[in-house]
Amino acid sequence: MIEFPNHSRSYDQTRRAVRFWGHDSALEASFFIDEGALRRIQPDARPDESGLLSAFDCNRDVICAAAAKVYVRGSRGSYNLAATDF
């Protein structure tokens, strides 16, 4: 089962997405949630780095729940969350 004990996150300007990590025992998986998904969750989010990181922080539980649904153990190294995942 994937868990999200690490509250670190970073903004990836190239992808216009917030990156965060999950852990399944010793396996680590990277997740990206794009701007469209963040703005679907929080429509008033500012479309800049600080605004998107803030939207992520305010909605971490919802985002991690969606990430857990798309995660398949050992399937790939990274996962992308889009607006359709919410």
C-alpha atoms as a PDB file:
ATOM      1  CA  MET A   1       0.000   0.000   0.000  1.00  0.00           C
ATOM      2  CA  ILE A   2       1.323   3.437  -0.914  1.00  0.00           C
ATOM      3  CA  GLU A   3       1.733   6.008   1.826  1.00  0.00           C
ATOM      4  CA  PHE A   4       2.738   9.663   1.762  1.00  0.00           C
ATOM      5  CA  PRO A   5       4.694  10.290   4.968  1.00  0.00           C
ATOM      6  CA  ASN A   6       7.090  12.765   3.344  1.00  0.00           C
ATOM      7  CA  HIS A   7       5.487  16.196   3.122  1.00  0.00           C
ATOM      8  CA  SER A   8       8.163  17.484   0.752  1.00  0.00           C
ATOM      9  CA  ARG A   9       6.956  18.801  -2.560  1.00  0.00           C
ATOM     10  CA  SER A  10       8.463  20.951  -5.270  1.00  0.00           C
ATOM     11  CA  TYR A  11       7.315  22.928  -8.256  1.00  0.00           C
ATOM     12  CA  ASP A  12       8.421  21.732 -11.689  1.00  0.00           C
ATOM     13  CA  GLN A  13       8.200  24.756 -13.965  1.00  0.00           C
ATOM     14  CA  THR A  14       8.747  22.747 -17.157  1.00  0.00           C
ATOM     15  CA  ARG A  15       5.729  20.547 -16.425  1.00  0.00           C
ATOM     16  CA  ARG A  16       3.792  23.309 -14.635  1.00  0.00           C
ATOM     17  CA  ALA A  17       3.161  20.724 -11.950  1.00  0.00           C
ATOM     18  CA  VAL A  18       3.843  19.998  -8.301  1.00  0.00           C
ATOM     19  CA  ARG A  19       5.978  16.941  -7.642  1.00  0.00           C
ATOM     20  CA  PHE A  20       5.597  14.829  -4.509  1.00  0.00           C
ATOM     21  CA  TRP A  21       6.609  11.345  -3.397  1.00  0.00           C
ATOM     22  CA  GLY A  22       4.958   8.252  -2.061  1.00  0.00           C
ATOM     23  CA  HIS A  23       6.449   5.159  -0.452  1.00  0.00           C
ATOM     24  CA  ASP A  24       5.394   1.534  -0.742  1.00  0.00           C
ATOM     25  CA  SER A  25       7.675  -0.290   1.688  1.00  0.00           C
ATOM     26  CA  ALA A  26      11.149   0.341   0.252  1.00  0.00           C
ATOM     27  CA  LEU A  27       9.847   1.521  -3.134  1.00  0.00           C
ATOM     28  CA  GLU A  28       9.589   5.237  -3.835  1.00  0.00           C
ATOM     29  CA  ALA A  29       7.288   6.622  -6.518  1.00  0.00           C
ATOM     30  CA  SER A  30       7.183  10.169  -7.888  1.00  0.00           C
ATOM     31  CA  PHE A  31       3.865  11.855  -8.527  1.00  0.00           C
ATOM     32  CA  PHE A  32       3.102  15.009 -10.479  1.00  0.00           C
ATOM     33  CA  ILE A  33      -0.140  16.946 -10.233  1.00  0.00           C
ATOM     34  CA  ASP A  34      -0.537  19.420 -13.053  1.00  0.00           C
ATOM     35  CA  GLU A  35      -1.865  22.957 -12.934  1.00  0.00           C
ATOM     36  CA  GLY A  36      -5.220  21.955 -14.441  1.00  0.00           C
ATOM     37  CA  ALA A  37      -5.832  19.406 -11.702  1.00  0.00           C
ATOM     38  CA  LEU A  38      -4.838  21.833  -8.956  1.00  0.00           C
ATOM     39  CA  ARG A  39      -7.125  24.496 -10.377  1.00  0.00           C
ATOM     40  CA  ARG A  40      -9.971  21.993 -10.601  1.00  0.00           C
ATOM     41  CA  ILE A  41      -9.547  21.229  -6.891  1.00  0.00           C
ATOM     42  CA  GLN A  42      -9.039  24.880  -5.958  1.00  0.00           C
ATOM     43  CA  PRO A  43     -10.385  27.156  -8.721  1.00  0.00           C
ATOM     44  CA  ASP A  44      -9.111  30.353  -7.092  1.00  0.00           C
ATOM     45  CA  ALA A  45      -5.482  29.134  -6.987  1.00  0.00           C
ATOM     46  CA  ARG A  46      -3.003  31.615  -8.406  1.00  0.00           C
ATOM     47  CA  PRO A  47      -1.329  30.227 -11.561  1.00  0.00           C
ATOM     48  CA  ASP A  48       2.217  30.781 -10.270  1.00  0.00           C
ATOM     49  CA  GLU A  49       4.618  28.656  -8.244  1.00  0.00           C
ATOM     50  CA  SER A  50       3.573  29.894  -4.816  1.00  0.00           C
ATOM     51  CA  GLY A  51      -0.122  29.717  -5.677  1.00  0.00           C
ATOM     52  CA  LEU A  52       0.094  26.146  -6.957  1.00  0.00           C
ATOM     53  CA  LEU A  53       2.206  24.989  -4.004  1.00  0.00           C
ATOM     54  CA  SER A  54      -0.306  26.581  -1.660  1.00  0.00           C
ATOM     55  CA  ALA A  55      -3.190  24.823  -3.462  1.00  0.00           C
ATOM     56  CA  PHE A  56      -1.314  21.543  -3.079  1.00  0.00           C
ATOM     57  CA  ASP A  57      -0.724  22.121   0.635  1.00  0.00           C
ATOM     58  CA  CYS A  58      -4.362  23.006   1.282  1.00  0.00           C
ATOM     59  CA  ASN A  59      -5.612  19.920  -0.541  1.00  0.00           C
ATOM     60  CA  ARG A  60      -2.917  17.364   0.288  1.00  0.00           C
ATOM     61  CA  ASP A  61      -5.339  14.727   1.647  1.00  0.00           C
ATOM     62  CA  VAL A  62      -7.531  14.788  -1.485  1.00  0.00           C
ATOM     63  CA  ILE A  63      -4.472  14.698  -3.749  1.00  0.00           C
ATOM     64  CA  CYS A  64      -2.844  11.803  -1.893  1.00  0.00           C
ATOM     65  CA  ALA A  65      -6.113   9.835  -1.982  1.00  0.00           C
ATOM     66  CA  ALA A  66      -6.285  10.290  -5.770  1.00  0.00           C
ATOM     67  CA  ALA A  67      -2.609   9.349  -6.094  1.00  0.00           C
ATOM     68  CA  ALA A  68      -3.217   6.146  -4.136  1.00  0.00           C
ATOM     69  CA  LYS A  69      -6.002   5.220  -6.576  1.00  0.00           C
ATOM     70  CA  VAL A  70      -3.779   5.566  -9.671  1.00  0.00           C
ATOM     71  CA  TYR A  71      -0.762   3.861  -8.092  1.00  0.00           C
ATOM     72  CA  VAL A  72       0.104   0.332  -9.204  1.00  0.00           C
ATOM     73  CA  ARG A  73       3.018  -1.212  -7.279  1.00  0.00           C
ATOM     74  CA  GLY A  74       6.165  -1.423  -9.347  1.00  0.00           C
ATOM     75  CA  SER A  75       4.329  -0.356 -12.478  1.00  0.00           C
ATOM     76  CA  ARG A  76       6.400   2.756 -13.181  1.00  0.00           C
ATOM     77  CA  GLY A  77       8.646   5.300 -11.582  1.00  0.00           C
ATOM     78  CA  SER A  78       6.320   8.282 -11.841  1.00  0.00           C
ATOM     79  CA  TYR A  79       2.620   9.029 -12.077  1.00  0.00           C
ATOM     80  CA  ASN A  80       0.806  12.048 -13.475  1.00  0.00           C
ATOM     81  CA  LEU A  81      -2.420  13.308 -11.930  1.00  0.00           C
ATOM     82  CA  ALA A  82      -4.657  15.326 -14.213  1.00  0.00           C
ATOM     83  CA  ALA A  83      -7.987  17.094 -13.746  1.00  0.00           C
ATOM     84  CA  THR A  84      -9.831  13.920 -14.800  1.00  0.00           C
ATOM     85  CA  ASP A  85      -8.468  12.149 -11.713  1.00  0.00           C
ATOM     86  CA  PHE A  86     -10.563  14.454  -9.478  1.00  0.00           C
END
